[in-house]
């Protein structure tokens, strides 16, 4: 039952996140007009799932690992990227904030 509740909280988080990221993409994202990048959406969901699971099980150290992975992949592809640093930073912070808030809600409901 606990994990069913966690799945519901995560799903609600992702719906809220979808709306927030569409707004963020409109203001800070690439100007090519492509708001539905399915690969980026999947990576974001996976990132928030890893954060969320880690937070509800009291492993906040995952933030360090994910930050290092994101920075490493960002530095490698920065030359050909249209994504601004502000968009990258704000998007990462939104992902972390959503996962933290959802984990707090989940733990309060448990």
PDB file of N, CA and C in Angstrom:
ATOM      1  N   UNK A   1       0.813  -1.194   0.000  1.00  0.00           N
ATOM      2  CA  UNK A   1       0.000   0.000   0.000  1.00  0.00           C
ATOM      3  C   UNK A   1       0.859   1.263   0.000  1.00  0.00           C
ATOM      4  N   UNK A   2       1.998   1.208   0.726  1.00  0.00           N
ATOM      5  CA  UNK A   2       2.876   2.373   0.772  1.00  0.00           C
ATOM      6  C   UNK A   2       3.361   2.753  -0.623  1.00  0.00           C
ATOM      7  N   UNK A   3       3.745   1.756  -1.393  1.00  0.00           N
ATOM      8  CA  UNK A   3       4.315   2.056  -2.701  1.00  0.00           C
ATOM      9  C   UNK A   3       3.253   2.414  -3.731  1.00  0.00           C
ATOM     10  N   UNK A   4       2.031   1.989  -3.510  1.00  0.00           N
ATOM     11  CA  UNK A   4       0.936   2.447  -4.372  1.00  0.00           C
ATOM     12  C   UNK A   4       0.724   3.936  -4.171  1.00  0.00           C
ATOM     13  N   UNK A   5       0.745   4.364  -2.919  1.00  0.00           N
ATOM     14  CA  UNK A   5       0.632   5.785  -2.604  1.00  0.00           C
ATOM     15  C   UNK A   5       1.809   6.564  -3.193  1.00  0.00           C
ATOM     16  N   UNK A   6       3.003   6.005  -3.092  1.00  0.00           N
ATOM     17  CA  UNK A   6       4.184   6.658  -3.655  1.00  0.00           C
ATOM     18  C   UNK A   6       4.065   6.800  -5.168  1.00  0.00           C
ATOM     19  N   UNK A   7       3.526   5.786  -5.824  1.00  0.00           N
ATOM     20  CA  UNK A   7       3.330   5.848  -7.274  1.00  0.00           C
ATOM     21  C   UNK A   7       2.319   6.932  -7.644  1.00  0.00           C
ATOM     22  N   UNK A   8       1.270   7.062  -6.857  1.00  0.00           N
ATOM     23  CA  UNK A   8       0.272   8.106  -7.110  1.00  0.00           C
ATOM     24  C   UNK A   8       0.894   9.489  -6.943  1.00  0.00           C
ATOM     25  N   UNK A   9       1.654   9.680  -5.869  1.00  0.00           N
ATOM     26  CA  UNK A   9       2.315  10.975  -5.644  1.00  0.00           C
ATOM     27  C   UNK A   9       3.280  11.276  -6.784  1.00  0.00           C
ATOM     28  N   UNK A  10       4.045  10.277  -7.212  1.00  0.00           N
ATOM     29  CA  UNK A  10       4.991  10.491  -8.310  1.00  0.00           C
ATOM     30  C   UNK A  10       4.269  10.854  -9.605  1.00  0.00           C
ATOM     31  N   UNK A  11       3.155  10.203  -9.882  1.00  0.00           N
ATOM     32  CA  UNK A  11       2.391  10.497 -11.100  1.00  0.00           C
ATOM     33  C   UNK A  11       1.853  11.919 -11.078  1.00  0.00           C
ATOM     34  N   UNK A  12       1.325  12.342  -9.940  1.00  0.00           N
ATOM     35  CA  UNK A  12       0.844  13.727  -9.813  1.00  0.00           C
ATOM     36  C   UNK A  12       2.005  14.697  -9.992  1.00  0.00           C
ATOM     37  N   UNK A  13       3.147  14.365  -9.401  1.00  0.00           N
ATOM     38  CA  UNK A  13       4.343  15.196  -9.560  1.00  0.00           C
ATOM     39  C   UNK A  13       4.709  15.350 -11.030  1.00  0.00           C
ATOM     40  N   UNK A  14       4.646  14.275 -11.781  1.00  0.00           N
ATOM     41  CA  UNK A  14       5.025  14.326 -13.191  1.00  0.00           C
ATOM     42  C   UNK A  14       4.036  15.143 -14.020  1.00  0.00           C
ATOM     43  N   UNK A  15       2.772  15.098 -13.680  1.00  0.00           N
ATOM     44  CA  UNK A  15       1.788  15.921 -14.394  1.00  0.00           C
ATOM     45  C   UNK A  15       2.057  17.396 -14.123  1.00  0.00           C
ATOM     46  N   UNK A  16       2.314  17.737 -12.859  1.00  0.00           N
ATOM     47  CA  UNK A  16       2.660  19.120 -12.519  1.00  0.00           C
ATOM     48  C   UNK A  16       3.962  19.506 -13.211  1.00  0.00           C
ATOM     49  N   UNK A  17       4.930  18.600 -13.196  1.00  0.00           N
ATOM     50  CA  UNK A  17       6.212  18.862 -13.841  1.00  0.00           C
ATOM     51  C   UNK A  17       6.089  19.088 -15.334  1.00  0.00           C
ATOM     52  N   UNK A  18       5.217  18.348 -15.980  1.00  0.00           N
ATOM     53  CA  UNK A  18       5.019  18.521 -17.419  1.00  0.00           C
ATOM     54  C   UNK A  18       4.565  19.941 -17.732  1.00  0.00           C
ATOM     55  N   UNK A  19       3.622  20.441 -16.955  1.00  0.00           N
ATOM     56  CA  UNK A  19       3.137  21.810 -17.159  1.00  0.00           C
ATOM     57  C   UNK A  19       4.254  22.820 -16.882  1.00  0.00           C
ATOM     58  N   UNK A  20       4.971  22.637 -15.769  1.00  0.00           N
ATOM     59  CA  UNK A  20       6.053  23.562 -15.430  1.00  0.00           C
ATOM     60  C   UNK A  20       7.148  23.572 -16.489  1.00  0.00           C
ATOM     61  N   UNK A  21       7.512  22.401 -16.982  1.00  0.00           N
ATOM     62  CA  UNK A  21       8.586  22.336 -17.966  1.00  0.00           C
ATOM     63  C   UNK A  21       8.160  22.870 -19.330  1.00  0.00           C
ATOM     64  N   UNK A  22       6.885  22.761 -19.673  1.00  0.00           N
ATOM     65  CA  UNK A  22       6.409  23.389 -20.911  1.00  0.00           C
ATOM     66  C   UNK A  22       6.512  24.906 -20.814  1.00  0.00           C
ATOM     67  N   UNK A  23       6.178  25.449 -19.647  1.00  0.00           N
ATOM     68  CA  UNK A  23       6.309  26.895 -19.435  1.00  0.00           C
ATOM     69  C   UNK A  23       7.777  27.294 -19.465  1.00  0.00           C
ATOM     70  N   UNK A  24       8.620  26.544 -18.772  1.00  0.00           N
ATOM     71  CA  UNK A  24      10.055  26.821 -18.759  1.00  0.00           C
ATOM     72  C   UNK A  24      10.640  26.749 -20.161  1.00  0.00           C
ATOM     73  N   UNK A  25      10.245  25.758 -20.915  1.00  0.00           N
ATOM     74  CA  UNK A  25      10.733  25.595 -22.284  1.00  0.00           C
ATOM     75  C   UNK A  25      10.326  26.771 -23.160  1.00  0.00           C
ATOM     76  N   UNK A  26       9.135  27.287 -22.933  1.00  0.00           N
ATOM     77  CA  UNK A  26       8.649  28.425 -23.721  1.00  0.00           C
ATOM     78  C   UNK A  26       9.527  29.659 -23.506  1.00  0.00           C
ATOM     79  N   UNK A  27       9.937  29.907 -22.269  1.00  0.00           N
ATOM     80  CA  UNK A  27      10.688  31.122 -21.955  1.00  0.00           C
ATOM     81  C   UNK A  27      12.202  30.974 -22.075  1.00  0.00           C
ATOM     82  N   UNK A  28      12.742  29.815 -21.738  1.00  0.00           N
ATOM     83  CA  UNK A  28      14.195  29.664 -21.715  1.00  0.00           C
ATOM     84  C   UNK A  28      14.741  28.615 -22.675  1.00  0.00           C
ATOM     85  N   UNK A  29      13.868  27.826 -23.259  1.00  0.00           N
ATOM     86  CA  UNK A  29      14.304  26.709 -24.094  1.00  0.00           C
ATOM     87  C   UNK A  29      14.768  27.129 -25.471  1.00  0.00           C
ATOM     88  N   UNK A  30      15.149  26.146 -26.278  1.00  0.00           N
ATOM     89  CA  UNK A  30      15.586  26.424 -27.644  1.00  0.00           C
ATOM     90  C   UNK A  30      14.464  27.077 -28.442  1.00  0.00           C
ATOM     91  N   UNK A  31      14.832  27.919 -29.353  1.00  0.00           N
ATOM     92  CA  UNK A  31      13.845  28.692 -30.108  1.00  0.00           C
ATOM     93  C   UNK A  31      13.380  27.993 -31.383  1.00  0.00           C
ATOM     94  N   UNK A  32      13.665  26.712 -31.541  1.00  0.00           N
ATOM     95  CA  UNK A  32      13.240  26.002 -32.749  1.00  0.00           C
ATOM     96  C   UNK A  32      11.767  25.605 -32.711  1.00  0.00           C
ATOM     97  N   UNK A  33      11.097  25.841 -31.579  1.00  0.00           N
ATOM     98  CA  UNK A  33       9.672  25.566 -31.485  1.00  0.00           C
ATOM     99  C   UNK A  33       9.318  24.133 -31.142  1.00  0.00           C
ATOM    100  N   UNK A  34      10.293  23.264 -30.978  1.00  0.00           N
ATOM    101  CA  UNK A  34      10.027  21.860 -30.657  1.00  0.00           C
ATOM    102  C   UNK A  34       9.901  21.706 -29.142  1.00  0.00           C
ATOM    103  N   UNK A  35       8.660  21.712 -28.636  1.00  0.00           N
ATOM    104  CA  UNK A  35       8.457  21.596 -27.196  1.00  0.00           C
ATOM    105  C   UNK A  35       8.296  20.153 -26.744  1.00  0.00           C
ATOM    106  N   UNK A  36       8.031  19.235 -27.653  1.00  0.00           N
ATOM    107  CA  UNK A  36       7.824  17.838 -27.294  1.00  0.00           C
ATOM    108  C   UNK A  36       9.009  16.988 -27.727  1.00  0.00           C
ATOM    109  N   UNK A  37      10.099  17.107 -27.030  1.00  0.00           N
ATOM    110  CA  UNK A  37      11.267  16.280 -27.271  1.00  0.00           C
ATOM    111  C   UNK A  37      11.129  15.044 -26.369  1.00  0.00           C
ATOM    112  N   UNK A  38      10.665  13.949 -26.962  1.00  0.00           N
ATOM    113  CA  UNK A  38      10.334  12.764 -26.175  1.00  0.00           C
ATOM    114  C   UNK A  38      11.540  12.178 -25.450  1.00  0.00           C
ATOM    115  N   UNK A  39      12.706  12.255 -26.034  1.00  0.00           N
ATOM    116  CA  UNK A  39      13.903  11.738 -25.360  1.00  0.00           C
ATOM    117  C   UNK A  39      14.204  12.559 -24.108  1.00  0.00           C
ATOM    118  N   UNK A  40      14.092  13.866 -24.212  1.00  0.00           N
ATOM    119  CA  UNK A  40      14.339  14.732 -23.057  1.00  0.00           C
ATOM    120  C   UNK A  40      13.282  14.524 -21.975  1.00  0.00           C
ATOM    121  N   UNK A  41      12.035  14.335 -22.388  1.00  0.00           N
ATOM    122  CA  UNK A  41      10.960  14.090 -21.420  1.00  0.00           C
ATOM    123  C   UNK A  41      11.217  12.782 -20.671  1.00  0.00           C
ATOM    124  N   UNK A  42      11.600  11.736 -21.394  1.00  0.00           N
ATOM    125  CA  UNK A  42      11.886  10.451 -20.756  1.00  0.00           C
ATOM    126  C   UNK A  42      13.072  10.560 -19.799  1.00  0.00           C
ATOM    127  N   UNK A  43      14.137  11.249 -20.219  1.00  0.00           N
ATOM    128  CA  UNK A  43      15.302  11.416 -19.341  1.00  0.00           C
ATOM    129  C   UNK A  43      14.931  12.187 -18.081  1.00  0.00           C
ATOM    130  N   UNK A  44      14.086  13.199 -18.229  1.00  0.00           N
ATOM    131  CA  UNK A  44      13.648  13.972 -17.069  1.00  0.00           C
ATOM    132  C   UNK A  44      12.831  13.141 -16.096  1.00  0.00           C
ATOM    133  N   UNK A  45      11.921  12.328 -16.638  1.00  0.00           N
ATOM    134  CA  UNK A  45      11.114  11.449 -15.782  1.00  0.00           C
ATOM    135  C   UNK A  45      12.015  10.456 -15.052  1.00  0.00           C
ATOM    136  N   UNK A  46      12.962   9.887 -15.765  1.00  0.00           N
ATOM    137  CA  UNK A  46      13.883   8.931 -15.148  1.00  0.00           C
ATOM    138  C   UNK A  46      14.725   9.604 -14.061  1.00  0.00           C
ATOM    139  N   UNK A  47      15.202  10.800 -14.344  1.00  0.00           N
ATOM    140  CA  UNK A  47      15.993  11.550 -13.364  1.00  0.00           C
ATOM    141  C   UNK A  47      15.172  11.815 -12.093  1.00  0.00           C
ATOM    142  N   UNK A  48      13.935  12.288 -12.261  1.00  0.00           N
ATOM    143  CA  UNK A  48      13.096  12.569 -11.097  1.00  0.00           C
ATOM    144  C   UNK A  48      12.705  11.292 -10.357  1.00  0.00           C
ATOM    145  N   UNK A  49      12.532  10.188 -11.073  1.00  0.00           N
ATOM    146  CA  UNK A  49      12.224   8.913 -10.422  1.00  0.00           C
ATOM    147  C   UNK A  49      13.386   8.459  -9.540  1.00  0.00           C
ATOM    148  N   UNK A  50      14.599   8.563 -10.055  1.00  0.00           N
ATOM    149  CA  UNK A  50      15.779   8.184  -9.270  1.00  0.00           C
ATOM    150  C   UNK A  50      15.897   9.077  -8.035  1.00  0.00           C
ATOM    151  N   UNK A  51      15.726  10.383  -8.225  1.00  0.00           N
ATOM    152  CA  UNK A  51      15.782  11.302  -7.088  1.00  0.00           C
ATOM    153  C   UNK A  51      14.696  10.981  -6.066  1.00  0.00           C
ATOM    154  N   UNK A  52      13.487  10.792  -6.544  1.00  0.00           N
ATOM    155  CA  UNK A  52      12.337  10.533  -5.675  1.00  0.00           C
ATOM    156  C   UNK A  52      12.527   9.261  -4.851  1.00  0.00           C
ATOM    157  N   UNK A  53      12.910   8.186  -5.510  1.00  0.00           N
ATOM    158  CA  UNK A  53      13.130   6.922  -4.797  1.00  0.00           C
ATOM    159  C   UNK A  53      14.250   7.074  -3.769  1.00  0.00           C
ATOM    160  N   UNK A  54      15.299   7.775  -4.145  1.00  0.00           N
ATOM    161  CA  UNK A  54      16.413   7.983  -3.217  1.00  0.00           C
ATOM    162  C   UNK A  54      15.987   8.806  -2.008  1.00  0.00           C
ATOM    163  N   UNK A  55      15.198   9.837  -2.240  1.00  0.00           N
ATOM    164  CA  UNK A  55      14.768  10.694  -1.133  1.00  0.00           C
ATOM    165  C   UNK A  55      13.799   9.986  -0.187  1.00  0.00           C
ATOM    166  N   UNK A  56      12.878   9.199  -0.724  1.00  0.00           N
ATOM    167  CA  UNK A  56      11.931   8.531   0.187  1.00  0.00           C
ATOM    168  C   UNK A  56      12.604   7.420   0.985  1.00  0.00           C
ATOM    169  N   UNK A  57      13.775   6.970   0.522  1.00  0.00           N
ATOM    170  CA  UNK A  57      14.528   5.959   1.261  1.00  0.00           C
ATOM    171  C   UNK A  57      15.745   6.549   1.968  1.00  0.00           C
ATOM    172  N   UNK A  58      15.761   7.878   2.109  1.00  0.00           N
ATOM    173  CA  UNK A  58      16.802   8.600   2.864  1.00  0.00           C
ATOM    174  C   UNK A  58      18.216   8.418   2.306  1.00  0.00           C
ATOM    175  N   UNK A  59      18.350   8.559   0.995  1.00  0.00           N
ATOM    176  CA  UNK A  59      19.658   8.552   0.350  1.00  0.00           C
ATOM    177  C   UNK A  59      19.857   9.838  -0.453  1.00  0.00           C
ATOM    178  N   UNK A  60      20.013  10.979   0.224  1.00  0.00           N
ATOM    179  CA  UNK A  60      20.155  12.247  -0.504  1.00  0.00           C
ATOM    180  C   UNK A  60      21.478  12.366  -1.263  1.00  0.00           C
ATOM    181  N   UNK A  61      22.409  11.453  -1.024  1.00  0.00           N
ATOM    182  CA  UNK A  61      23.695  11.498  -1.714  1.00  0.00           C
ATOM    183  C   UNK A  61      23.546  11.349  -3.220  1.00  0.00           C
ATOM    184  N   UNK A  62      22.411  10.878  -3.666  1.00  0.00           N
ATOM    185  CA  UNK A  62      22.193  10.702  -5.105  1.00  0.00           C
ATOM    186  C   UNK A  62      22.276  12.031  -5.839  1.00  0.00           C
ATOM    187  N   UNK A  63      21.995  13.128  -5.138  1.00  0.00           N
ATOM    188  CA  UNK A  63      22.076  14.452  -5.765  1.00  0.00           C
ATOM    189  C   UNK A  63      23.496  14.702  -6.269  1.00  0.00           C
ATOM    190  N   UNK A  64      24.484  14.293  -5.510  1.00  0.00           N
ATOM    191  CA  UNK A  64      25.880  14.475  -5.913  1.00  0.00           C
ATOM    192  C   UNK A  64      26.176  13.663  -7.170  1.00  0.00           C
ATOM    193  N   UNK A  65      25.760  12.417  -7.179  1.00  0.00           N
ATOM    194  CA  UNK A  65      26.015  11.556  -8.335  1.00  0.00           C
ATOM    195  C   UNK A  65      25.303  12.066  -9.582  1.00  0.00           C
ATOM    196  N   UNK A  66      24.030  12.427  -9.462  1.00  0.00           N
ATOM    197  CA  UNK A  66      23.296  12.921 -10.630  1.00  0.00           C
ATOM    198  C   UNK A  66      23.857  14.250 -11.127  1.00  0.00           C
ATOM    199  N   UNK A  67      24.251  15.112 -10.197  1.00  0.00           N
ATOM    200  CA  UNK A  67      24.836  16.394 -10.605  1.00  0.00           C
ATOM    201  C   UNK A  67      26.131  16.181 -11.380  1.00  0.00           C
ATOM    202  N   UNK A  68      26.950  15.258 -10.916  1.00  0.00           N
ATOM    203  CA  UNK A  68      28.198  14.965 -11.624  1.00  0.00           C
ATOM    204  C   UNK A  68      27.924  14.385 -13.008  1.00  0.00           C
ATOM    205  N   UNK A  69      26.959  13.487 -13.102  1.00  0.00           N
ATOM    206  CA  UNK A  69      26.606  12.911 -14.404  1.00  0.00           C
ATOM    207  C   UNK A  69      26.073  13.977 -15.360  1.00  0.00           C
ATOM    208  N   UNK A  70      25.202  14.835 -14.858  1.00  0.00           N
ATOM    209  CA  UNK A  70      24.628  15.871 -15.715  1.00  0.00           C
ATOM    210  C   UNK A  70      25.700  16.854 -16.174  1.00  0.00           C
ATOM    211  N   UNK A  71      26.580  17.244 -15.253  1.00  0.00           N
ATOM    212  CA  UNK A  71      27.643  18.176 -15.614  1.00  0.00           C
ATOM    213  C   UNK A  71      28.593  17.549 -16.621  1.00  0.00           C
ATOM    214  N   UNK A  72      28.940  16.293 -16.408  1.00  0.00           N
ATOM    215  CA  UNK A  72      29.837  15.613 -17.338  1.00  0.00           C
ATOM    216  C   UNK A  72      29.260  15.492 -18.731  1.00  0.00           C
ATOM    217  N   UNK A  73      27.998  15.156 -18.828  1.00  0.00           N
ATOM    218  CA  UNK A  73      27.386  15.045 -20.153  1.00  0.00           C
ATOM    219  C   UNK A  73      27.145  16.412 -20.762  1.00  0.00           C
ATOM    220  N   UNK A  74      26.922  17.419 -19.946  1.00  0.00           N
ATOM    221  CA  UNK A  74      26.711  18.787 -20.445  1.00  0.00           C
ATOM    222  C   UNK A  74      28.009  19.351 -21.017  1.00  0.00           C
ATOM    223  N   UNK A  75      29.124  19.139 -20.339  1.00  0.00           N
ATOM    224  CA  UNK A  75      30.400  19.667 -20.829  1.00  0.00           C
ATOM    225  C   UNK A  75      30.791  19.031 -22.152  1.00  0.00           C
ATOM    226  N   UNK A  76      30.476  17.760 -22.311  1.00  0.00           N
ATOM    227  CA  UNK A  76      30.835  17.051 -23.536  1.00  0.00           C
ATOM    228  C   UNK A  76      30.056  17.574 -24.742  1.00  0.00           C
ATOM    229  N   UNK A  77      28.803  17.902 -24.554  1.00  0.00           N
ATOM    230  CA  UNK A  77      27.958  18.284 -25.689  1.00  0.00           C
ATOM    231  C   UNK A  77      27.692  19.781 -25.772  1.00  0.00           C
ATOM    232  N   UNK A  78      28.420  20.583 -25.022  1.00  0.00           N
ATOM    233  CA  UNK A  78      28.126  22.010 -24.943  1.00  0.00           C
ATOM    234  C   UNK A  78      28.392  22.753 -26.252  1.00  0.00           C
ATOM    235  N   UNK A  79      29.338  22.323 -27.047  1.00  0.00           N
ATOM    236  CA  UNK A  79      29.683  23.051 -28.261  1.00  0.00           C
ATOM    237  C   UNK A  79      28.534  23.102 -29.255  1.00  0.00           C
ATOM    238  N   UNK A  80      27.778  22.045 -29.391  1.00  0.00           N
ATOM    239  CA  UNK A  80      26.723  22.001 -30.400  1.00  0.00           C
ATOM    240  C   UNK A  80      25.331  22.184 -29.802  1.00  0.00           C
ATOM    241  N   UNK A  81      25.255  22.597 -28.548  1.00  0.00           N
ATOM    242  CA  UNK A  81      23.962  22.685 -27.874  1.00  0.00           C
ATOM    243  C   UNK A  81      23.341  24.063 -28.031  1.00  0.00           C
ATOM    244  N   UNK A  82      22.019  24.064 -28.277  1.00  0.00           N
ATOM    245  CA  UNK A  82      21.280  25.314 -28.336  1.00  0.00           C
ATOM    246  C   UNK A  82      20.682  25.669 -26.979  1.00  0.00           C
ATOM    247  N   UNK A  83      20.806  24.786 -26.032  1.00  0.00           N
ATOM    248  CA  UNK A  83      20.198  24.995 -24.725  1.00  0.00           C
ATOM    249  C   UNK A  83      21.091  25.914 -23.899  1.00  0.00           C
ATOM    250  N   UNK A  84      20.497  26.974 -23.375  1.00  0.00           N
ATOM    251  CA  UNK A  84      21.267  27.935 -22.592  1.00  0.00           C
ATOM    252  C   UNK A  84      21.595  27.357 -21.220  1.00  0.00           C
ATOM    253  N   UNK A  85      22.618  27.937 -20.613  1.00  0.00           N
ATOM    254  CA  UNK A  85      22.991  27.505 -19.272  1.00  0.00           C
ATOM    255  C   UNK A  85      21.877  27.785 -18.270  1.00  0.00           C
ATOM    256  N   UNK A  86      21.162  28.900 -18.465  1.00  0.00           N
ATOM    257  CA  UNK A  86      20.052  29.233 -17.564  1.00  0.00           C
ATOM    258  C   UNK A  86      18.965  28.170 -17.648  1.00  0.00           C
ATOM    259  N   UNK A  87      18.640  27.732 -18.843  1.00  0.00           N
ATOM    260  CA  UNK A  87      17.617  26.697 -19.039  1.00  0.00           C
ATOM    261  C   UNK A  87      18.050  25.391 -18.379  1.00  0.00           C
ATOM    262  N   UNK A  88      19.295  25.034 -18.559  1.00  0.00           N
ATOM    263  CA  UNK A  88      19.843  23.810 -17.974  1.00  0.00           C
ATOM    264  C   UNK A  88      19.797  23.872 -16.449  1.00  0.00           C
ATOM    265  N   UNK A  89      20.234  24.991 -15.878  1.00  0.00           N
ATOM    266  CA  UNK A  89      20.265  25.147 -14.429  1.00  0.00           C
ATOM    267  C   UNK A  89      18.859  25.168 -13.830  1.00  0.00           C
ATOM    268  N   UNK A  90      17.975  25.966 -14.402  1.00  0.00           N
ATOM    269  CA  UNK A  90      16.615  26.074 -13.874  1.00  0.00           C
ATOM    270  C   UNK A  90      15.876  24.745 -14.023  1.00  0.00           C
ATOM    271  N   UNK A  91      16.063  24.067 -15.133  1.00  0.00           N
ATOM    272  CA  UNK A  91      15.430  22.764 -15.330  1.00  0.00           C
ATOM    273  C   UNK A  91      15.896  21.737 -14.312  1.00  0.00           C
ATOM    274  N   UNK A  92      17.186  21.723 -14.037  1.00  0.00           N
ATOM    275  CA  UNK A  92      17.730  20.801 -13.041  1.00  0.00           C
ATOM    276  C   UNK A  92      17.189  21.120 -11.652  1.00  0.00           C
ATOM    277  N   UNK A  93      17.144  22.402 -11.316  1.00  0.00           N
ATOM    278  CA  UNK A  93      16.622  22.793 -10.007  1.00  0.00           C
ATOM    279  C   UNK A  93      15.136  22.473  -9.871  1.00  0.00           C
ATOM    280  N   UNK A  94      14.363  22.674 -10.946  1.00  0.00           N
ATOM    281  CA  UNK A  94      12.945  22.298 -10.926  1.00  0.00           C
ATOM    282  C   UNK A  94      12.788  20.798 -10.698  1.00  0.00           C
ATOM    283  N   UNK A  95      13.603  20.003 -11.375  1.00  0.00           N
ATOM    284  CA  UNK A  95      13.531  18.547 -11.203  1.00  0.00           C
ATOM    285  C   UNK A  95      13.805  18.157  -9.756  1.00  0.00           C
ATOM    286  N   UNK A  96      14.857  18.737  -9.195  1.00  0.00           N
ATOM    287  CA  UNK A  96      15.198  18.424  -7.810  1.00  0.00           C
ATOM    288  C   UNK A  96      14.103  18.891  -6.856  1.00  0.00           C
ATOM    289  N   UNK A  97      13.576  20.082  -7.087  1.00  0.00           N
ATOM    290  CA  UNK A  97      12.522  20.610  -6.225  1.00  0.00           C
ATOM    291  C   UNK A  97      11.269  19.741  -6.271  1.00  0.00           C
ATOM    292  N   UNK A  98      10.878  19.326  -7.458  1.00  0.00           N
ATOM    293  CA  UNK A  98       9.715  18.440  -7.582  1.00  0.00           C
ATOM    294  C   UNK A  98       9.931  17.130  -6.829  1.00  0.00           C
ATOM    295  N   UNK A  99      11.107  16.557  -6.974  1.00  0.00           N
ATOM    296  CA  UNK A  99      11.393  15.287  -6.300  1.00  0.00           C
ATOM    297  C   UNK A  99      11.417  15.454  -4.783  1.00  0.00           C
ATOM    298  N   UNK A 100      11.990  16.547  -4.305  1.00  0.00           N
ATOM    299  CA  UNK A 100      12.059  16.786  -2.859  1.00  0.00           C
ATOM    300  C   UNK A 100      10.660  16.986  -2.281  1.00  0.00           C
ATOM    301  N   UNK A 101       9.866  17.842  -2.926  1.00  0.00           N
ATOM    302  CA  UNK A 101       8.506  18.099  -2.436  1.00  0.00           C
ATOM    303  C   UNK A 101       7.675  16.816  -2.450  1.00  0.00           C
ATOM    304  N   UNK A 102       7.786  16.048  -3.512  1.00  0.00           N
ATOM    305  CA  UNK A 102       7.030  14.796  -3.597  1.00  0.00           C
ATOM    306  C   UNK A 102       7.468  13.801  -2.533  1.00  0.00           C
ATOM    307  N   UNK A 103       8.763  13.743  -2.262  1.00  0.00           N
ATOM    308  CA  UNK A 103       9.254  12.838  -1.219  1.00  0.00           C
ATOM    309  C   UNK A 103       8.753  13.275   0.154  1.00  0.00           C
ATOM    310  N   UNK A 104       8.723  14.574   0.406  1.00  0.00           N
ATOM    311  CA  UNK A 104       8.209  15.081   1.682  1.00  0.00           C
ATOM    312  C   UNK A 104       6.734  14.728   1.836  1.00  0.00           C
ATOM    313  N   UNK A 105       5.962  14.939   0.768  1.00  0.00           N
ATOM    314  CA  UNK A 105       4.534  14.605   0.804  1.00  0.00           C
ATOM    315  C   UNK A 105       4.345  13.108   1.035  1.00  0.00           C
ATOM    316  N   UNK A 106       5.103  12.301   0.325  1.00  0.00           N
ATOM    317  CA  UNK A 106       4.983  10.846   0.462  1.00  0.00           C
ATOM    318  C   UNK A 106       5.306  10.397   1.879  1.00  0.00           C
ATOM    319  N   UNK A 107       6.401  10.903   2.430  1.00  0.00           N
ATOM    320  CA  UNK A 107       6.785  10.495   3.780  1.00  0.00           C
ATOM    321  C   UNK A 107       5.784  10.979   4.822  1.00  0.00           C
ATOM    322  N   UNK A 108       5.164  12.124   4.581  1.00  0.00           N
ATOM    323  CA  UNK A 108       4.140  12.619   5.506  1.00  0.00           C
ATOM    324  C   UNK A 108       2.891  11.741   5.455  1.00  0.00           C
ATOM    325  N   UNK A 109       2.574  11.227   4.266  1.00  0.00           N
ATOM    326  CA  UNK A 109       1.399  10.370   4.119  1.00  0.00           C
ATOM    327  C   UNK A 109       1.637   8.948   4.618  1.00  0.00           C
ATOM    328  N   UNK A 110       2.904   8.533   4.686  1.00  0.00           N
ATOM    329  CA  UNK A 110       3.218   7.191   5.167  1.00  0.00           C
ATOM    330  C   UNK A 110       3.049   7.185   6.660  1.00  0.00           C
TER     331      UNK A 110
END
